[in-house]
Amino acid sequence: LKQAIAELLGNDLYVGTLRLPQQLGRMRAQLFDLGAVQSEVHDEE
C-alpha cells in the first residue's frame, strides 16, 4: 500500500547522481537526513 501511494503521489521523482564539493556539506547532510541518499563515493578531488 505504501509503495502504491508513493507511486501515485511521487510521479515527479528525481533519481540521479549529484556532485557535491565540500562547501555544499550542509546540503549533503540534509540529503542524508531526508533518507534520499542511496549510496556515496568520493572522486580523486
ModelCIF file with pLDDT and N, C-alpha, C, O atoms, coordinates in Angstrom:
data_MODEL
#
_entry.id   MODEL 
#
_entity.id                         1 
_entity.type                       polymer 
_entity.pdbx_number_of_molecules   1 
#
_entity_poly.entity_id                      1 
_entity_poly.type                           'polypeptide(L)' 
_entity_poly.nstd_linkage                   no 
_entity_poly.nstd_monomer                   no 
_entity_poly.pdbx_seq_one_letter_code       LKQAIAELLGNDLYVGTLRLPQQLGRMRAQLFDLGAVQSEVHDEE 
_entity_poly.pdbx_seq_one_letter_code_can   LKQAIAELLGNDLYVGTLRLPQQLGRMRAQLFDLGAVQSEVHDEE 
_entity_poly.pdbx_strand_id                 A 
#
loop_
_entity_poly_seq.entity_id 
_entity_poly_seq.num 
_entity_poly_seq.mon_id 
_entity_poly_seq.hetero 
1 1  LEU n 
1 2  LYS n 
1 3  GLN n 
1 4  ALA n 
1 5  ILE n 
1 6  ALA n 
1 7  GLU n 
1 8  LEU n 
1 9  LEU n 
1 10 GLY n 
1 11 ASN n 
1 12 ASP n 
1 13 LEU n 
1 14 TYR n 
1 15 VAL n 
1 16 GLY n 
1 17 THR n 
1 18 LEU n 
1 19 ARG n 
1 20 LEU n 
1 21 PRO n 
1 22 GLN n 
1 23 GLN n 
1 24 LEU n 
1 25 GLY n 
1 26 ARG n 
1 27 MET n 
1 28 ARG n 
1 29 ALA n 
1 30 GLN n 
1 31 LEU n 
1 32 PHE n 
1 33 ASP n 
1 34 LEU n 
1 35 GLY n 
1 36 ALA n 
1 37 VAL n 
1 38 GLN n 
1 39 SER n 
1 40 GLU n 
1 41 VAL n 
1 42 HIS n 
1 43 ASP n 
1 44 GLU n 
1 45 GLU n 
#
_struct_asym.id          A 
_struct_asym.entity_id   1 
#
loop_
_ma_qa_metric.id 
_ma_qa_metric.mode 
_ma_qa_metric.name 
_ma_qa_metric.software_group_id 
_ma_qa_metric.type 
1 global pLDDT . pLDDT 
2 local  pLDDT . pLDDT 
#
_ma_qa_metric_global.metric_id      1 
_ma_qa_metric_global.metric_value   83.56 
_ma_qa_metric_global.model_id       1 
_ma_qa_metric_global.ordinal_id     1 
#
loop_
_ma_qa_metric_local.label_asym_id 
_ma_qa_metric_local.label_comp_id 
_ma_qa_metric_local.label_seq_id 
_ma_qa_metric_local.metric_id 
_ma_qa_metric_local.metric_value 
_ma_qa_metric_local.model_id 
_ma_qa_metric_local.ordinal_id 
A LEU 1  2 92.00 1 1  
A LYS 2  2 89.00 1 2  
A GLN 3  2 86.00 1 3  
A ALA 4  2 88.00 1 4  
A ILE 5  2 88.00 1 5  
A ALA 6  2 84.00 1 6  
A GLU 7  2 81.00 1 7  
A LEU 8  2 85.00 1 8  
A LEU 9  2 82.00 1 9  
A GLY 10 2 72.00 1 10 
A ASN 11 2 62.00 1 11 
A ASP 12 2 61.00 1 12 
A LEU 13 2 66.00 1 13 
A TYR 14 2 73.00 1 14 
A VAL 15 2 72.00 1 15 
A GLY 16 2 79.00 1 16 
A THR 17 2 87.00 1 17 
A LEU 18 2 89.00 1 18 
A ARG 19 2 88.00 1 19 
A LEU 20 2 89.00 1 20 
A PRO 21 2 88.00 1 21 
A GLN 22 2 87.00 1 22 
A GLN 23 2 88.00 1 23 
A LEU 24 2 88.00 1 24 
A GLY 25 2 88.00 1 25 
A ARG 26 2 89.00 1 26 
A MET 27 2 89.00 1 27 
A ARG 28 2 90.00 1 28 
A ALA 29 2 90.00 1 29 
A GLN 30 2 88.00 1 30 
A LEU 31 2 88.00 1 31 
A PHE 32 2 88.00 1 32 
A ASP 33 2 85.00 1 33 
A LEU 34 2 79.00 1 34 
A GLY 35 2 78.00 1 35 
A ALA 36 2 79.00 1 36 
A VAL 37 2 84.00 1 37 
A GLN 38 2 81.00 1 38 
A SER 39 2 85.00 1 39 
A GLU 40 2 88.00 1 40 
A VAL 41 2 89.00 1 41 
A HIS 42 2 87.00 1 42 
A ASP 43 2 85.00 1 43 
A GLU 44 2 83.00 1 44 
A GLU 45 2 83.00 1 45 
#
loop_
_atom_site.group_PDB 
_atom_site.id 
_atom_site.type_symbol 
_atom_site.label_atom_id 
_atom_site.label_alt_id 
_atom_site.label_comp_id 
_atom_site.label_asym_id 
_atom_site.label_entity_id 
_atom_site.label_seq_id 
_atom_site.pdbx_PDB_ins_code 
_atom_site.Cartn_x 
_atom_site.Cartn_y 
_atom_site.Cartn_z 
_atom_site.occupancy 
_atom_site.B_iso_or_equiv 
_atom_site.pdbx_formal_charge 
_atom_site.auth_seq_id 
_atom_site.auth_comp_id 
_atom_site.auth_asym_id 
_atom_site.auth_atom_id 
_atom_site.pdbx_PDB_model_num 
ATOM 1   N N  . LEU A 1 1  ? 0.836  -1.204 0.000   1.00 92.00 ? 1  LEU A N  1 
ATOM 2   C CA . LEU A 1 1  ? 0.000  0.000  0.000   1.00 92.00 ? 1  LEU A CA 1 
ATOM 3   C C  . LEU A 1 1  ? 0.872  1.255  0.000   1.00 92.00 ? 1  LEU A C  1 
ATOM 4   O O  . LEU A 1 1  ? 0.614  2.192  -0.756  1.00 92.00 ? 1  LEU A O  1 
ATOM 5   N N  . LYS A 1 2  ? 1.898  1.272  0.844   1.00 89.00 ? 2  LYS A N  1 
ATOM 6   C CA . LYS A 1 2  ? 2.810  2.431  0.885   1.00 89.00 ? 2  LYS A CA 1 
ATOM 7   C C  . LYS A 1 2  ? 3.496  2.623  -0.466  1.00 89.00 ? 2  LYS A C  1 
ATOM 8   O O  . LYS A 1 2  ? 3.678  3.750  -0.927  1.00 89.00 ? 2  LYS A O  1 
ATOM 9   N N  . GLN A 1 3  ? 3.879  1.496  -1.102  1.00 86.00 ? 3  GLN A N  1 
ATOM 10  C CA . GLN A 1 3  ? 4.517  1.570  -2.421  1.00 86.00 ? 3  GLN A CA 1 
ATOM 11  C C  . GLN A 1 3  ? 3.566  2.184  -3.448  1.00 86.00 ? 3  GLN A C  1 
ATOM 12  O O  . GLN A 1 3  ? 3.967  3.036  -4.240  1.00 86.00 ? 3  GLN A O  1 
ATOM 13  N N  . ALA A 1 4  ? 2.291  1.740  -3.430  1.00 88.00 ? 4  ALA A N  1 
ATOM 14  C CA . ALA A 1 4  ? 1.291  2.250  -4.378  1.00 88.00 ? 4  ALA A CA 1 
ATOM 15  C C  . ALA A 1 4  ? 1.054  3.745  -4.168  1.00 88.00 ? 4  ALA A C  1 
ATOM 16  O O  . ALA A 1 4  ? 0.942  4.504  -5.131  1.00 88.00 ? 4  ALA A O  1 
ATOM 17  N N  . ILE A 1 5  ? 0.979  4.170  -2.877  1.00 88.00 ? 5  ILE A N  1 
ATOM 18  C CA . ILE A 1 5  ? 0.787  5.596  -2.564  1.00 88.00 ? 5  ILE A CA 1 
ATOM 19  C C  . ILE A 1 5  ? 1.961  6.408  -3.091  1.00 88.00 ? 5  ILE A C  1 
ATOM 20  O O  . ILE A 1 5  ? 1.777  7.450  -3.720  1.00 88.00 ? 5  ILE A O  1 
ATOM 21  N N  . ALA A 1 6  ? 3.183  5.916  -2.824  1.00 84.00 ? 6  ALA A N  1 
ATOM 22  C CA . ALA A 1 6  ? 4.390  6.626  -3.284  1.00 84.00 ? 6  ALA A CA 1 
ATOM 23  C C  . ALA A 1 6  ? 4.417  6.740  -4.803  1.00 84.00 ? 6  ALA A C  1 
ATOM 24  O O  . ALA A 1 6  ? 4.834  7.764  -5.346  1.00 84.00 ? 6  ALA A O  1 
ATOM 25  N N  . GLU A 1 7  ? 3.970  5.687  -5.491  1.00 81.00 ? 7  GLU A N  1 
ATOM 26  C CA . GLU A 1 7  ? 3.934  5.725  -6.959  1.00 81.00 ? 7  GLU A CA 1 
ATOM 27  C C  . GLU A 1 7  ? 2.940  6.765  -7.465  1.00 81.00 ? 7  GLU A C  1 
ATOM 28  O O  . GLU A 1 7  ? 3.221  7.506  -8.407  1.00 81.00 ? 7  GLU A O  1 
ATOM 29  N N  . LEU A 1 8  ? 1.771  6.807  -6.821  1.00 85.00 ? 8  LEU A N  1 
ATOM 30  C CA . LEU A 1 8  ? 0.717  7.717  -7.294  1.00 85.00 ? 8  LEU A CA 1 
ATOM 31  C C  . LEU A 1 8  ? 1.041  9.182  -6.989  1.00 85.00 ? 8  LEU A C  1 
ATOM 32  O O  . LEU A 1 8  ? 0.750  10.072 -7.787  1.00 85.00 ? 8  LEU A O  1 
ATOM 33  N N  . LEU A 1 9  ? 1.646  9.416  -5.822  1.00 82.00 ? 9  LEU A N  1 
ATOM 34  C CA . LEU A 1 9  ? 1.946  10.797 -5.438  1.00 82.00 ? 9  LEU A CA 1 
ATOM 35  C C  . LEU A 1 9  ? 3.347  11.222 -5.863  1.00 82.00 ? 9  LEU A C  1 
ATOM 36  O O  . LEU A 1 9  ? 3.635  12.411 -5.997  1.00 82.00 ? 9  LEU A O  1 
ATOM 37  N N  . GLY A 1 10 ? 4.203  10.243 -6.071  1.00 72.00 ? 10 GLY A N  1 
ATOM 38  C CA . GLY A 1 10 ? 5.601  10.566 -6.372  1.00 72.00 ? 10 GLY A CA 1 
ATOM 39  C C  . GLY A 1 10 ? 5.926  10.478 -7.840  1.00 72.00 ? 10 GLY A C  1 
ATOM 40  O O  . GLY A 1 10 ? 7.015  10.043 -8.214  1.00 72.00 ? 10 GLY A O  1 
ATOM 41  N N  . ASN A 1 11 ? 4.999  10.884 -8.672  1.00 62.00 ? 11 ASN A N  1 
ATOM 42  C CA . ASN A 1 11 ? 5.260  10.799 -10.110 1.00 62.00 ? 11 ASN A CA 1 
ATOM 43  C C  . ASN A 1 11 ? 6.310  11.802 -10.558 1.00 62.00 ? 11 ASN A C  1 
ATOM 44  O O  . ASN A 1 11 ? 6.792  11.727 -11.688 1.00 62.00 ? 11 ASN A O  1 
ATOM 45  N N  . ASP A 1 12 ? 6.668  12.733 -9.695  1.00 61.00 ? 12 ASP A N  1 
ATOM 46  C CA . ASP A 1 12 ? 7.706  13.691 -10.039 1.00 61.00 ? 12 ASP A CA 1 
ATOM 47  C C  . ASP A 1 12 ? 8.919  13.440 -9.141  1.00 61.00 ? 12 ASP A C  1 
ATOM 48  O O  . ASP A 1 12 ? 9.257  14.248 -8.275  1.00 61.00 ? 12 ASP A O  1 
ATOM 49  N N  . LEU A 1 13 ? 9.554  12.306 -9.375  1.00 66.00 ? 13 LEU A N  1 
ATOM 50  C CA . LEU A 1 13 ? 10.656 11.859 -8.544  1.00 66.00 ? 13 LEU A CA 1 
ATOM 51  C C  . LEU A 1 13 ? 11.982 12.147 -9.242  1.00 66.00 ? 13 LEU A C  1 
ATOM 52  O O  . LEU A 1 13 ? 12.101 11.934 -10.449 1.00 66.00 ? 13 LEU A O  1 
ATOM 53  N N  . TYR A 1 14 ? 12.980 12.627 -8.499  1.00 73.00 ? 14 TYR A N  1 
ATOM 54  C CA . TYR A 1 14 ? 14.301 12.821 -9.079  1.00 73.00 ? 14 TYR A CA 1 
ATOM 55  C C  . TYR A 1 14 ? 15.189 11.633 -8.698  1.00 73.00 ? 14 TYR A C  1 
ATOM 56  O O  . TYR A 1 14 ? 15.376 11.351 -7.514  1.00 73.00 ? 14 TYR A O  1 
ATOM 57  N N  . VAL A 1 15 ? 15.722 10.954 -9.677  1.00 72.00 ? 15 VAL A N  1 
ATOM 58  C CA . VAL A 1 15 ? 16.665 9.863  -9.444  1.00 72.00 ? 15 VAL A CA 1 
ATOM 59  C C  . VAL A 1 15 ? 17.924 10.175 -10.261 1.00 72.00 ? 15 VAL A C  1 
ATOM 60  O O  . VAL A 1 15 ? 17.853 10.266 -11.487 1.00 72.00 ? 15 VAL A O  1 
ATOM 61  N N  . GLY A 1 16 ? 19.074 10.338 -9.595  1.00 79.00 ? 16 GLY A N  1 
ATOM 62  C CA . GLY A 1 16 ? 20.300 10.666 -10.319 1.00 79.00 ? 16 GLY A CA 1 
ATOM 63  C C  . GLY A 1 16 ? 21.482 10.777 -9.363  1.00 79.00 ? 16 GLY A C  1 
ATOM 64  O O  . GLY A 1 16 ? 21.362 10.485 -8.173  1.00 79.00 ? 16 GLY A O  1 
ATOM 65  N N  . THR A 1 17 ? 22.644 11.209 -9.905  1.00 87.00 ? 17 THR A N  1 
ATOM 66  C CA . THR A 1 17 ? 23.880 11.342 -9.111  1.00 87.00 ? 17 THR A CA 1 
ATOM 67  C C  . THR A 1 17 ? 24.249 12.818 -9.004  1.00 87.00 ? 17 THR A C  1 
ATOM 68  O O  . THR A 1 17 ? 24.357 13.516 -10.013 1.00 87.00 ? 17 THR A O  1 
ATOM 69  N N  . LEU A 1 18 ? 24.441 13.283 -7.776  1.00 89.00 ? 18 LEU A N  1 
ATOM 70  C CA . LEU A 1 18 ? 24.824 14.670 -7.526  1.00 89.00 ? 18 LEU A CA 1 
ATOM 71  C C  . LEU A 1 18 ? 26.308 14.740 -7.153  1.00 89.00 ? 18 LEU A C  1 
ATOM 72  O O  . LEU A 1 18 ? 26.808 13.890 -6.415  1.00 89.00 ? 18 LEU A O  1 
ATOM 73  N N  . ARG A 1 19 ? 27.014 15.767 -7.672  1.00 88.00 ? 19 ARG A N  1 
ATOM 74  C CA . ARG A 1 19 ? 28.424 16.021 -7.328  1.00 88.00 ? 19 ARG A CA 1 
ATOM 75  C C  . ARG A 1 19 ? 28.438 17.181 -6.344  1.00 88.00 ? 19 ARG A C  1 
ATOM 76  O O  . ARG A 1 19 ? 28.175 18.323 -6.721  1.00 88.00 ? 19 ARG A O  1 
ATOM 77  N N  . LEU A 1 20 ? 28.743 16.893 -5.094  1.00 89.00 ? 20 LEU A N  1 
ATOM 78  C CA . LEU A 1 20 ? 28.698 17.944 -4.078  1.00 89.00 ? 20 LEU A CA 1 
ATOM 79  C C  . LEU A 1 20 ? 30.083 18.158 -3.490  1.00 89.00 ? 20 LEU A C  1 
ATOM 80  O O  . LEU A 1 20 ? 30.585 17.286 -2.780  1.00 89.00 ? 20 LEU A O  1 
ATOM 81  N N  . PRO A 1 21 ? 30.724 19.312 -3.772  1.00 88.00 ? 21 PRO A N  1 
ATOM 82  C CA . PRO A 1 21 ? 32.021 19.624 -3.145  1.00 88.00 ? 21 PRO A CA 1 
ATOM 83  C C  . PRO A 1 21 ? 31.825 19.902 -1.651  1.00 88.00 ? 21 PRO A C  1 
ATOM 84  O O  . PRO A 1 21 ? 30.700 19.965 -1.155  1.00 88.00 ? 21 PRO A O  1 
ATOM 85  N N  . GLN A 1 22 ? 32.942 20.065 -0.955  1.00 87.00 ? 22 GLN A N  1 
ATOM 86  C CA . GLN A 1 22 ? 32.887 20.214 0.495   1.00 87.00 ? 22 GLN A CA 1 
ATOM 87  C C  . GLN A 1 22 ? 32.080 21.422 0.941   1.00 87.00 ? 22 GLN A C  1 
ATOM 88  O O  . GLN A 1 22 ? 31.431 21.383 1.987   1.00 87.00 ? 22 GLN A O  1 
ATOM 89  N N  . GLN A 1 23 ? 32.113 22.497 0.157   1.00 88.00 ? 23 GLN A N  1 
ATOM 90  C CA . GLN A 1 23 ? 31.359 23.710 0.561   1.00 88.00 ? 23 GLN A CA 1 
ATOM 91  C C  . GLN A 1 23 ? 29.847 23.479 0.554   1.00 88.00 ? 23 GLN A C  1 
ATOM 92  O O  . GLN A 1 23 ? 29.091 24.275 1.112   1.00 88.00 ? 23 GLN A O  1 
ATOM 93  N N  . LEU A 1 24 ? 29.403 22.373 -0.089  1.00 88.00 ? 24 LEU A N  1 
ATOM 94  C CA . LEU A 1 24 ? 27.972 22.031 -0.050  1.00 88.00 ? 24 LEU A CA 1 
ATOM 95  C C  . LEU A 1 24 ? 27.698 20.889 0.947   1.00 88.00 ? 24 LEU A C  1 
ATOM 96  O O  . LEU A 1 24 ? 26.772 20.095 0.780   1.00 88.00 ? 24 LEU A O  1 
ATOM 97  N N  . GLY A 1 25 ? 28.542 20.845 1.986   1.00 88.00 ? 25 GLY A N  1 
ATOM 98  C CA . GLY A 1 25 ? 28.411 19.796 3.004   1.00 88.00 ? 25 GLY A CA 1 
ATOM 99  C C  . GLY A 1 25 ? 27.058 19.858 3.726   1.00 88.00 ? 25 GLY A C  1 
ATOM 100 O O  . GLY A 1 25 ? 26.514 18.831 4.133   1.00 88.00 ? 25 GLY A O  1 
ATOM 101 N N  . ARG A 1 26 ? 26.522 21.084 3.879   1.00 89.00 ? 26 ARG A N  1 
ATOM 102 C CA . ARG A 1 26 ? 25.222 21.243 4.540   1.00 89.00 ? 26 ARG A CA 1 
ATOM 103 C C  . ARG A 1 26 ? 24.119 20.542 3.730   1.00 89.00 ? 26 ARG A C  1 
ATOM 104 O O  . ARG A 1 26 ? 23.274 19.845 4.293   1.00 89.00 ? 26 ARG A O  1 
ATOM 105 N N  . MET A 1 27 ? 24.138 20.737 2.380   1.00 89.00 ? 27 MET A N  1 
ATOM 106 C CA . MET A 1 27 ? 23.146 20.077 1.537   1.00 89.00 ? 27 MET A CA 1 
ATOM 107 C C  . MET A 1 27 ? 23.302 18.557 1.610   1.00 89.00 ? 27 MET A C  1 
ATOM 108 O O  . MET A 1 27 ? 22.318 17.819 1.663   1.00 89.00 ? 27 MET A O  1 
ATOM 109 N N  . ARG A 1 28 ? 24.569 18.103 1.611   1.00 90.00 ? 28 ARG A N  1 
ATOM 110 C CA . ARG A 1 28 ? 24.830 16.662 1.725   1.00 90.00 ? 28 ARG A CA 1 
ATOM 111 C C  . ARG A 1 28 ? 24.185 16.106 2.998   1.00 90.00 ? 28 ARG A C  1 
ATOM 112 O O  . ARG A 1 28 ? 23.525 15.068 2.966   1.00 90.00 ? 28 ARG A O  1 
ATOM 113 N N  . ALA A 1 29 ? 24.385 16.812 4.120   1.00 90.00 ? 29 ALA A N  1 
ATOM 114 C CA . ALA A 1 29 ? 23.820 16.368 5.402   1.00 90.00 ? 29 ALA A CA 1 
ATOM 115 C C  . ALA A 1 29 ? 22.292 16.341 5.342   1.00 90.00 ? 29 ALA A C  1 
ATOM 116 O O  . ALA A 1 29 ? 21.660 15.422 5.861   1.00 90.00 ? 29 ALA A O  1 
ATOM 117 N N  . GLN A 1 30 ? 21.703 17.360 4.702   1.00 88.00 ? 30 GLN A N  1 
ATOM 118 C CA . GLN A 1 30 ? 20.238 17.428 4.584   1.00 88.00 ? 30 GLN A CA 1 
ATOM 119 C C  . GLN A 1 30 ? 19.690 16.267 3.744   1.00 88.00 ? 30 GLN A C  1 
ATOM 120 O O  . GLN A 1 30 ? 18.632 15.715 4.047   1.00 88.00 ? 30 GLN A O  1 
ATOM 121 N N  . LEU A 1 31 ? 20.428 15.904 2.683   1.00 88.00 ? 31 LEU A N  1 
ATOM 122 C CA . LEU A 1 31 ? 20.005 14.775 1.853   1.00 88.00 ? 31 LEU A CA 1 
ATOM 123 C C  . LEU A 1 31 ? 20.039 13.468 2.649   1.00 88.00 ? 31 LEU A C  1 
ATOM 124 O O  . LEU A 1 31 ? 19.159 12.620 2.499   1.00 88.00 ? 31 LEU A O  1 
ATOM 125 N N  . PHE A 1 32 ? 21.063 13.311 3.498   1.00 88.00 ? 32 PHE A N  1 
ATOM 126 C CA . PHE A 1 32 ? 21.138 12.129 4.358   1.00 88.00 ? 32 PHE A CA 1 
ATOM 127 C C  . PHE A 1 32 ? 19.990 12.127 5.373   1.00 88.00 ? 32 PHE A C  1 
ATOM 128 O O  . PHE A 1 32 ? 19.391 11.087 5.645   1.00 88.00 ? 32 PHE A O  1 
ATOM 129 N N  . ASP A 1 33 ? 19.694 13.307 5.928   1.00 85.00 ? 33 ASP A N  1 
ATOM 130 C CA . ASP A 1 33 ? 18.594 13.426 6.902   1.00 85.00 ? 33 ASP A CA 1 
ATOM 131 C C  . ASP A 1 33 ? 17.262 13.014 6.290   1.00 85.00 ? 33 ASP A C  1 
ATOM 132 O O  . ASP A 1 33 ? 16.422 12.413 6.960   1.00 85.00 ? 33 ASP A O  1 
ATOM 133 N N  . LEU A 1 34 ? 17.072 13.339 5.017   1.00 79.00 ? 34 LEU A N  1 
ATOM 134 C CA . LEU A 1 34 ? 15.822 13.009 4.324   1.00 79.00 ? 34 LEU A CA 1 
ATOM 135 C C  . LEU A 1 34 ? 15.762 11.537 3.905   1.00 79.00 ? 34 LEU A C  1 
ATOM 136 O O  . LEU A 1 34 ? 14.727 11.063 3.437   1.00 79.00 ? 34 LEU A O  1 
ATOM 137 N N  . GLY A 1 35 ? 16.881 10.815 4.076   1.00 78.00 ? 35 GLY A N  1 
ATOM 138 C CA . GLY A 1 35 ? 16.938 9.411  3.658   1.00 78.00 ? 35 GLY A CA 1 
ATOM 139 C C  . GLY A 1 35 ? 16.944 9.255  2.147   1.00 78.00 ? 35 GLY A C  1 
ATOM 140 O O  . GLY A 1 35 ? 16.539 8.219  1.620   1.00 78.00 ? 35 GLY A O  1 
ATOM 141 N N  . ALA A 1 36 ? 17.418 10.318 1.432   1.00 79.00 ? 36 ALA A N  1 
ATOM 142 C CA . ALA A 1 36 ? 17.376 10.319 -0.035  1.00 79.00 ? 36 ALA A CA 1 
ATOM 143 C C  . ALA A 1 36 ? 18.614 9.685  -0.660  1.00 79.00 ? 36 ALA A C  1 
ATOM 144 O O  . ALA A 1 36 ? 18.608 9.362  -1.848  1.00 79.00 ? 36 ALA A O  1 
ATOM 145 N N  . VAL A 1 37 ? 19.693 9.499  0.136   1.00 84.00 ? 37 VAL A N  1 
ATOM 146 C CA . VAL A 1 37 ? 20.965 9.005  -0.408  1.00 84.00 ? 37 VAL A CA 1 
ATOM 147 C C  . VAL A 1 37 ? 20.941 7.477  -0.485  1.00 84.00 ? 37 VAL A C  1 
ATOM 148 O O  . VAL A 1 37 ? 20.779 6.795  0.528   1.00 84.00 ? 37 VAL A O  1 
ATOM 149 N N  . GLN A 1 38 ? 21.102 6.956  -1.696  1.00 81.00 ? 38 GLN A N  1 
ATOM 150 C CA . GLN A 1 38 ? 21.157 5.506  -1.908  1.00 81.00 ? 38 GLN A CA 1 
ATOM 151 C C  . GLN A 1 38 ? 22.571 4.968  -1.701  1.00 81.00 ? 38 GLN A C  1 
ATOM 152 O O  . GLN A 1 38 ? 22.760 3.892  -1.134  1.00 81.00 ? 38 GLN A O  1 
ATOM 153 N N  . SER A 1 39 ? 23.554 5.724  -2.164  1.00 85.00 ? 39 SER A N  1 
ATOM 154 C CA . SER A 1 39 ? 24.961 5.332  -1.985  1.00 85.00 ? 39 SER A CA 1 
ATOM 155 C C  . SER A 1 39 ? 25.830 6.579  -2.119  1.00 85.00 ? 39 SER A C  1 
ATOM 156 O O  . SER A 1 39 ? 25.384 7.603  -2.636  1.00 85.00 ? 39 SER A O  1 
ATOM 157 N N  . GLU A 1 40 ? 27.102 6.482  -1.638  1.00 88.00 ? 40 GLU A N  1 
ATOM 158 C CA . GLU A 1 40 ? 28.022 7.616  -1.716  1.00 88.00 ? 40 GLU A CA 1 
ATOM 159 C C  . GLU A 1 40 ? 29.426 7.112  -1.993  1.00 88.00 ? 40 GLU A C  1 
ATOM 160 O O  . GLU A 1 40 ? 29.883 6.164  -1.354  1.00 88.00 ? 40 GLU A O  1 
ATOM 161 N N  . VAL A 1 41 ? 30.111 7.733  -2.934  1.00 89.00 ? 41 VAL A N  1 
ATOM 162 C CA . VAL A 1 41 ? 31.546 7.508  -3.168  1.00 89.00 ? 41 VAL A CA 1 
ATOM 163 C C  . VAL A 1 41 ? 32.198 8.882  -3.310  1.00 89.00 ? 41 VAL A C  1 
ATOM 164 O O  . VAL A 1 41 ? 31.514 9.895  -3.455  1.00 89.00 ? 41 VAL A O  1 
ATOM 165 N N  . HIS A 1 42 ? 33.538 8.900  -3.265  1.00 87.00 ? 42 HIS A N  1 
ATOM 166 C CA . HIS A 1 42 ? 34.264 10.167 -3.439  1.00 87.00 ? 42 HIS A CA 1 
ATOM 167 C C  . HIS A 1 42 ? 35.206 10.032 -4.622  1.00 87.00 ? 42 HIS A C  1 
ATOM 168 O O  . HIS A 1 42 ? 35.812 8.977  -4.811  1.00 87.00 ? 42 HIS A O  1 
ATOM 169 N N  . ASP A 1 43 ? 35.341 11.101 -5.436  1.00 85.00 ? 43 ASP A N  1 
ATOM 170 C CA . ASP A 1 43 ? 36.295 11.056 -6.547  1.00 85.00 ? 43 ASP A CA 1 
ATOM 171 C C  . ASP A 1 43 ? 37.675 11.482 -6.046  1.00 85.00 ? 43 ASP A C  1 
ATOM 172 O O  . ASP A 1 43 ? 37.848 11.752 -4.857  1.00 85.00 ? 43 ASP A O  1 
ATOM 173 N N  . GLU A 1 44 ? 38.673 11.543 -6.963  1.00 83.00 ? 44 GLU A N  1 
ATOM 174 C CA . GLU A 1 44 ? 40.069 11.848 -6.566  1.00 83.00 ? 44 GLU A CA 1 
ATOM 175 C C  . GLU A 1 44 ? 40.210 13.253 -5.974  1.00 83.00 ? 44 GLU A C  1 
ATOM 176 O O  . GLU A 1 44 ? 41.168 13.529 -5.251  1.00 83.00 ? 44 GLU A O  1 
ATOM 177 N N  . GLU A 1 45 ? 39.254 14.144 -6.280  1.00 83.00 ? 45 GLU A N  1 
ATOM 178 C CA . GLU A 1 45 ? 39.307 15.512 -5.730  1.00 83.00 ? 45 GLU A CA 1 
ATOM 179 C C  . GLU A 1 45 ? 38.608 15.624 -4.375  1.00 83.00 ? 45 GLU A C  1 
ATOM 180 O O  . GLU A 1 45 ? 38.569 16.706 -3.788  1.00 83.00 ? 45 GLU A O  1 
#
